[in-house]
Structure formats: structure tokens, C-alpha cells
Protein backbone atom coordinates (compact mmCIF):
# COMPACT_ATOMS: atom_id res chain seq x y z
CA MET A 1 97.73 27.43 49.51
CA SER A 2 96.13 24.06 48.87
CA PRO A 3 97.38 22.44 45.65
CA THR A 4 95.27 21.29 42.74
CA PHE A 5 95.83 17.72 41.58
CA VAL A 6 95.79 17.49 37.78
CA LEU A 7 95.22 13.87 36.73
CA VAL A 8 96.33 12.40 33.39
CA HIS A 9 95.00 9.03 32.22
CA GLY A 10 96.70 6.20 30.36
CA ALA A 11 96.07 4.42 27.05
CA PHE A 12 92.46 3.85 25.93
CA ALA A 13 91.32 5.54 29.16
CA ASN A 14 89.82 8.95 29.90
CA SER A 15 89.00 11.27 32.76
CA PHE A 16 86.06 9.09 33.81
CA SER A 17 88.39 6.47 35.33
CA PHE A 18 89.53 9.00 37.95
CA ALA A 19 86.04 9.66 39.38
CA PRO A 20 86.43 7.36 42.44
CA LEU A 21 89.87 8.82 43.18
CA GLN A 22 88.56 12.36 42.87
CA ALA A 23 85.77 11.54 45.30
CA GLU A 24 88.29 10.30 47.86
CA LEU A 25 90.49 13.36 47.34
CA ALA A 26 87.48 15.62 47.83
CA LEU A 27 86.59 13.86 51.07
CA LEU A 28 90.14 14.54 52.24
CA GLY A 29 89.69 18.22 51.41
CA HIS A 30 91.56 18.41 48.10
CA ARG A 31 90.49 19.69 44.71
CA SER A 32 91.41 17.92 41.50
CA ALA A 33 90.93 18.17 37.76
CA ALA A 34 91.00 15.09 35.52
CA VAL A 35 92.15 15.80 31.97
CA ASP A 36 90.83 14.20 28.80
CA LEU A 37 93.72 14.09 26.36
CA PRO A 38 92.83 14.95 22.73
CA GLY A 39 90.60 12.31 21.18
CA HIS A 40 89.53 11.01 24.59
CA GLY A 41 86.41 11.33 26.71
CA PHE A 42 83.60 12.98 24.80
CA GLU A 43 86.02 13.66 21.94
CA ALA A 44 86.39 9.92 21.35
CA THR A 45 84.99 7.98 18.41
CA TYR A 46 82.60 5.14 19.29
CA PRO A 47 81.73 3.58 15.92
CA ALA A 48 78.21 2.23 15.47
CA ALA A 49 79.98 -1.01 14.60
CA TYR A 50 81.24 -1.14 18.22
CA GLN A 51 77.68 -1.48 19.53
CA ALA A 52 75.90 -4.80 19.96
CA PRO A 53 75.52 -6.77 17.81
CA GLN A 54 79.01 -5.86 16.70
CA ASP A 55 80.04 -5.41 13.09
CA LEU A 56 83.67 -6.49 13.27
CA PRO A 57 84.57 -5.64 9.64
CA GLY A 58 83.01 -2.21 10.14
CA LEU A 59 84.84 -1.74 13.42
CA ALA A 60 88.12 -2.50 11.69
CA THR A 61 87.63 0.17 9.03
CA THR A 62 85.64 3.07 10.55
CA PRO A 63 87.79 6.24 10.82
CA GLY A 64 88.56 7.64 14.26
CA SER A 65 88.93 11.21 15.51
CA ILE A 66 92.19 10.42 17.30
CA LYS A 67 94.02 9.82 14.01
CA GLY A 68 96.93 12.25 13.76
CA VAL A 69 96.91 13.19 17.46
CA THR A 70 100.48 13.47 18.72
CA LEU A 71 102.31 13.57 22.01
CA ALA A 72 102.78 17.30 21.39
CA ASP A 73 98.98 17.66 21.22
CA ASN A 74 98.70 15.88 24.57
CA VAL A 75 101.26 18.25 26.04
CA ALA A 76 99.41 21.30 24.76
CA ARG A 77 96.16 20.07 26.34
CA VAL A 78 97.78 19.47 29.73
CA VAL A 79 99.68 22.77 29.64
CA GLU A 80 96.40 24.60 29.02
CA VAL A 81 94.89 22.95 32.11
CA LEU A 82 98.00 23.62 34.20
CA GLU A 83 98.01 27.30 33.29
CA ARG A 84 94.42 27.65 34.48
CA ALA A 85 94.98 25.59 37.63
CA LYS A 86 98.14 27.51 38.49
CA GLU A 87 96.07 30.67 38.90
CA HIS A 88 94.69 29.16 42.11
CA GLY A 89 97.93 27.97 43.71
CA PRO A 90 100.38 25.06 43.52
CA VAL A 91 99.81 22.20 41.10
CA ILE A 92 100.60 18.51 41.55
CA LEU A 93 100.60 16.70 38.19
CA VAL A 94 99.70 13.00 38.42
CA GLY A 95 99.87 10.46 35.60
CA HIS A 96 99.18 6.76 35.19
CA SER A 97 100.59 4.23 32.73
CA ARG A 98 101.02 5.70 29.22
CA GLY A 99 100.06 9.06 30.68
CA GLY A 100 103.56 9.17 32.13
CA MET A 101 104.94 9.92 28.68
CA THR A 102 102.77 13.04 28.54
CA LEU A 103 103.85 14.03 32.05
CA THR A 104 107.50 13.70 31.08
CA ALA A 105 107.07 15.81 27.95
CA VAL A 106 105.17 18.45 29.95
CA GLY A 107 107.94 18.52 32.55
CA ASN A 108 110.51 18.99 29.82
CA ALA A 109 108.53 21.81 28.22
CA ARG A 110 107.01 23.74 31.16
CA PRO A 111 108.58 22.87 34.51
CA ASP A 112 107.46 26.26 35.79
CA LEU A 113 103.84 25.07 35.84
CA VAL A 114 104.41 21.98 38.01
CA ASP A 115 105.15 22.01 41.74
CA ARG A 116 105.38 18.22 41.98
CA ILE A 117 105.15 15.50 39.36
CA VAL A 118 103.75 12.10 40.35
CA TYR A 119 103.98 8.87 38.37
CA VAL A 120 101.69 6.00 39.36
CA SER A 121 103.18 2.94 37.66
CA ALA A 122 103.69 5.21 34.68
CA TRP A 123 106.28 5.46 31.94
CA ALA A 124 109.05 7.95 32.74
CA PRO A 125 111.71 7.05 30.17
CA VAL A 126 115.29 8.00 31.03
CA ASP A 127 118.02 5.96 29.32
CA LEU A 128 115.76 4.47 26.63
CA ASP A 129 112.50 5.31 24.94
CA VAL A 130 109.48 3.23 25.88
CA GLY A 131 109.95 0.82 22.99
CA GLY A 132 113.48 0.14 24.19
CA TYR A 133 112.26 -0.64 27.69
CA TYR A 134 109.78 -3.18 26.33
CA ALA A 135 112.75 -5.14 24.99
CA GLY A 136 114.42 -5.19 28.42
CA PRO A 137 114.61 -8.13 30.81
CA GLU A 138 112.24 -6.44 33.26
CA MET A 139 109.42 -6.95 30.76
CA ALA A 140 110.26 -10.55 29.90
CA ASP A 141 107.42 -12.04 31.94
CA THR A 142 104.72 -9.60 30.85
CA ASP A 143 102.00 -10.83 28.53
CA GLN A 144 102.56 -8.37 25.72
CA MET A 145 99.93 -10.14 23.62
CA ALA A 146 97.12 -9.50 26.13
CA LEU A 147 96.33 -6.07 24.69
CA ALA A 148 97.28 -7.07 21.14
CA ALA A 149 94.54 -9.71 21.27
CA VAL A 150 91.82 -7.03 21.36
CA LEU A 151 93.19 -4.89 18.54
CA ALA A 152 90.82 -4.46 15.61
CA GLY A 153 91.94 -3.28 12.19
CA ASP A 154 95.33 -2.38 10.80
CA PRO A 155 96.92 0.51 12.74
CA ALA A 156 98.84 1.58 9.64
CA GLU A 157 95.61 1.91 7.65
CA LEU A 158 93.50 3.41 10.43
CA GLY A 159 96.25 5.74 11.66
CA LEU A 160 95.42 4.75 15.24
CA LEU A 161 95.21 1.84 17.63
CA ARG A 162 91.71 0.38 17.94
CA GLY A 163 90.69 -2.09 20.62
CA ASN A 164 87.52 -4.14 20.84
CA PHE A 165 87.01 -4.00 24.60
CA ARG A 166 83.48 -5.35 24.17
CA THR A 167 84.72 -8.73 23.04
CA ALA A 168 83.06 -11.74 24.65
CA ASP A 169 86.01 -14.07 23.93
CA PRO A 170 86.70 -15.69 27.32
CA ALA A 171 90.38 -16.32 26.58
CA VAL A 172 90.96 -12.70 25.56
CA LEU A 173 89.13 -11.40 28.62
CA ALA A 174 91.07 -13.71 30.91
CA GLY A 175 94.35 -12.48 29.43
CA LEU A 176 93.38 -8.84 29.90
CA LYS A 177 92.28 -9.41 33.48
CA ALA A 178 95.52 -11.22 34.34
CA ALA A 179 97.56 -8.40 32.82
CA PHE A 180 95.73 -5.43 34.29
CA HIS A 181 93.39 -6.34 37.16
CA ALA A 182 94.26 -9.79 38.48
CA ASP A 183 93.53 -8.74 42.06
CA GLY A 184 89.97 -7.62 41.31
CA THR A 185 86.67 -9.34 40.82
CA ASP A 186 85.34 -10.22 37.38
CA ASP A 187 82.58 -7.64 37.77
CA GLU A 188 85.08 -4.91 38.70
CA PHE A 189 87.20 -5.83 35.72
CA ARG A 190 84.30 -5.79 33.26
CA THR A 191 83.07 -2.50 34.70
CA PHE A 192 86.48 -0.93 34.20
CA LEU A 193 86.74 -2.40 30.72
CA ASN A 194 83.50 -0.63 29.82
CA THR A 195 85.07 2.73 30.70
CA PHE A 196 87.74 2.19 28.06
CA GLN A 197 87.33 3.79 24.66
CA PRO A 198 88.14 1.97 21.42
CA ASP A 199 90.87 4.26 20.07
CA GLU A 200 94.34 5.41 21.09
CA ASN A 201 96.88 7.46 19.17
CA LEU A 202 100.05 6.01 17.69
CA ASP A 203 102.58 8.57 18.95
CA ALA A 204 104.54 7.03 21.82
CA GLY A 205 107.26 9.68 21.67
CA THR A 206 110.87 9.61 20.53
CA PRO A 207 114.25 9.57 22.29
CA ASP A 208 113.90 13.37 22.48
CA ASP A 209 110.91 12.89 24.79
CA ARG A 210 112.90 11.20 27.54
CA VAL A 211 113.41 13.06 30.81
CA GLN A 212 115.76 16.05 30.62
CA ALA A 213 117.82 16.97 33.64
CA ALA A 214 117.79 20.73 33.06
CA THR A 215 113.98 20.99 32.96
CA TRP A 216 112.05 17.93 34.11
CA GLY A 217 114.87 17.12 36.51
CA THR A 218 114.29 20.30 38.51
CA ILE A 219 110.72 19.37 39.50
CA PRO A 220 110.17 17.61 42.85
CA ARG A 221 108.99 14.15 41.92
CA THR A 222 107.23 11.11 43.33
CA TYR A 223 106.90 7.58 42.04
CA VAL A 224 104.03 5.45 43.35
CA ARG A 225 104.99 1.83 42.78
CA LEU A 226 102.25 -0.74 42.25
CA SER A 227 103.60 -3.95 43.71
CA GLU A 228 101.18 -6.33 41.94
CA ASP A 229 101.41 -4.73 38.50
CA THR A 230 102.18 -7.22 35.74
CA SER A 231 101.88 -4.82 32.79
CA ILE A 232 104.59 -2.43 34.05
CA PRO A 233 106.25 -4.78 36.57
CA PRO A 234 107.86 -3.45 39.76
CA ALA A 235 111.28 -4.29 38.31
CA MET A 236 110.63 -1.90 35.42
CA GLN A 237 109.21 0.74 37.73
CA ASP A 238 112.35 0.44 39.87
CA ARG A 239 114.61 0.68 36.84
CA MET A 240 113.11 4.00 35.78
CA ILE A 241 113.40 5.29 39.35
CA ARG A 242 117.10 4.29 39.52
CA GLU A 243 117.92 5.83 36.18
CA ALA A 244 116.22 9.13 37.00
CA ASP A 245 117.89 9.32 40.41
CA ALA A 246 121.27 8.73 38.76
CA LEU A 247 120.53 11.53 36.30
CA THR A 248 119.62 14.07 39.02
CA PRO A 249 120.97 12.69 42.31
CA ASP A 250 120.25 15.94 44.14
CA ASN A 251 116.55 15.60 43.31
CA PRO A 252 115.61 11.92 43.77
CA TYR A 253 112.19 10.37 43.59
CA ASP A 254 110.04 10.30 46.69
CA VAL A 255 108.93 6.64 46.48
CA HIS A 256 105.73 5.07 47.78
CA THR A 257 104.35 1.56 47.26
CA LEU A 258 100.74 0.44 47.02
CA LYS A 259 99.67 -3.19 46.92
CA SER A 260 97.79 -3.02 43.64
CA SER A 261 97.59 -4.28 40.11
CA HIS A 262 97.73 -1.81 37.24
CA LEU A 263 94.08 -0.82 37.69
CA SER A 264 92.82 -1.75 41.15
CA TRP A 265 94.18 1.43 42.80
CA LEU A 266 91.61 3.28 40.67
CA VAL A 267 88.81 0.87 41.62
CA ARG A 268 89.62 1.08 45.34
CA PRO A 269 91.40 4.45 45.54
CA ARG A 270 91.39 5.34 49.22
CA ALA A 271 95.02 4.35 49.86
CA ALA A 272 96.16 6.21 46.75
CA ALA A 273 94.22 9.30 47.77
CA GLU A 274 95.88 9.21 51.18
CA VAL A 275 99.33 9.06 49.56
CA LEU A 276 98.47 12.02 47.33
CA ALA A 277 97.04 13.96 50.26
CA GLY A 278 100.30 13.39 52.10
CA LEU A 279 102.20 14.90 49.18
CA ALA A 280 100.03 17.98 49.39
CA ALA A 281 101.39 18.44 52.91
CA GLY A 282 104.96 18.41 51.53
CA PRO A 283 106.82 15.08 51.97
CA ALA A 284 110.55 14.87 52.42
CA ALA A 285 112.32 13.79 49.24
CA GLY A 286 113.35 10.18 49.25
CA ALA A 287 110.74 9.03 51.78
CA ALA A 288 109.41 5.52 51.30
CA VAL A 289 106.09 4.03 52.28
CA GLY A 290 105.37 0.30 52.19
């Protein structure tokens, strides 16, 4: 039976960012479902202060619906979708960026619902939690202030992360583009930025949410490397692949590489869709594509 691709977005994103990829998958004959994690998509808060002209003090203090949302809530949302999708055949679970943490927790909790798990430059923590990886040498050249520069308000007071992605500050915009979409045009970058929502939850998981060999480790898995990514650099992607393969050597990652920044594979998704379509046909574990 043809599998269903279930797509999980990253931080500040939502299901809308997968629309071009879903169109390409459909044209290749595959069905897909893009998930909005709790507090995302039409559940998001867009404060009136976020509109133009912006009220920056108001933006920094307006409450947001995502406050209190946890990684466990994300898992429950994805599991609900997987249970429904599984009624129609195999399921391939795909996650990007911060969405990888949700994928990992889902794999730990309900491996029976996933026929293949696919990380696209996504966090799949093995030996460390995500915070620990940020302190590693692989992240030394990343601009960790690029995203911090758009944060509005005090996360401790708001109970969430809030970004002002409608800023007109040229230095801030240049830093974001370099970090996430350096290989795209300015118009593509600004278009993508306008799909972002202001708020993200604070729960990045704990050491208990790292991959577990007895559950997550039993699922056939794929890692799609993004060779031009400067926010999760290839060296960090490769480290997580190595660590997972050492944990479950009899079930290694099937590794593919796309020439893409963190976001451009979603802007121009045909190559990514072709990789995913190939997985639907059942790749051999450990295969590599340049």
C-alpha cells in the first residue's frame, strides 16, 4: 500500500510551509498530511501589536496561546495524526529542524505507528540533549544571535519565545537570511519569513527525550543532510548520524544529501520530494545520495 507522509514543522513554523513540498509529492503520486503542532497554524497568537504600525511594547507583553505547551503535547498531537493515517496503510514520519525533537519523542513513545522516520536537517539527540549540542565544536561557527536578535519580550515573563519576524531592521534581516536562507533571493526569504508565526514554546525536551535504542532505534530511519545549512551545520548533522548508528549499528541511517540551506529545500522542494518518493519505494538501509 502507498504510504502517507506525515510532515512535522520546526520552530516558529507551521503546516503552511510544507505546501510546495506537498504539491510536489502529490504530482509524484503520494499523499501527505502536514501537522500543526499545538499553538501553531490557526491556533497561533498574532497580537494586534504585531501588525503595522507595530507596537513593540505591546508585542513584548501580550499573552500567547502557546504558553505552557510542552513536548509531550506535541507528541500527543502527532500520535493522533499517525493513528488516523495508519488506518490507510504505512506511515513515513518526516520532521525538519526543531521538529526532530518531536519526531524522536514520538519514536520513543509509539514506534508501532511509524514505518520510517525521516529527519531533514533536524535535531535527533543521542549522546546529549539539544542544549548540550549547541555547546559543541560543530556549532562554533553558527550565528546563534541571528534568531536572538528578533526576540521580543522576556521569555520568563511571557512563558514562551516571541519573535518579531516583521522587523525592518536591515542588519537583523541580513543575519537571519545568512543563517537560514543564504542561497535564496531576498524576496524568497521575506516571503518565507512572513509564513513564520511570532510564538514558540519553551520546552526543548530533557535528557530523557533523547533517542532510545529499544523503541526509536527499531524504526527504519533516514537522515536528509542539507549541505549548505549554517544553522544546523553538516558537521552537527553528521555527528547525530554517527552517534545513532553507534547506538543501533544493525539499524543505521539511510543518508541522503541535498544542496540546500536550512529553508531553501522547502522553497524549491522538487529534489526533496524525489528523495521522499524514493523512500516510499523502500530504499536499502545505508544508501547514500549526493
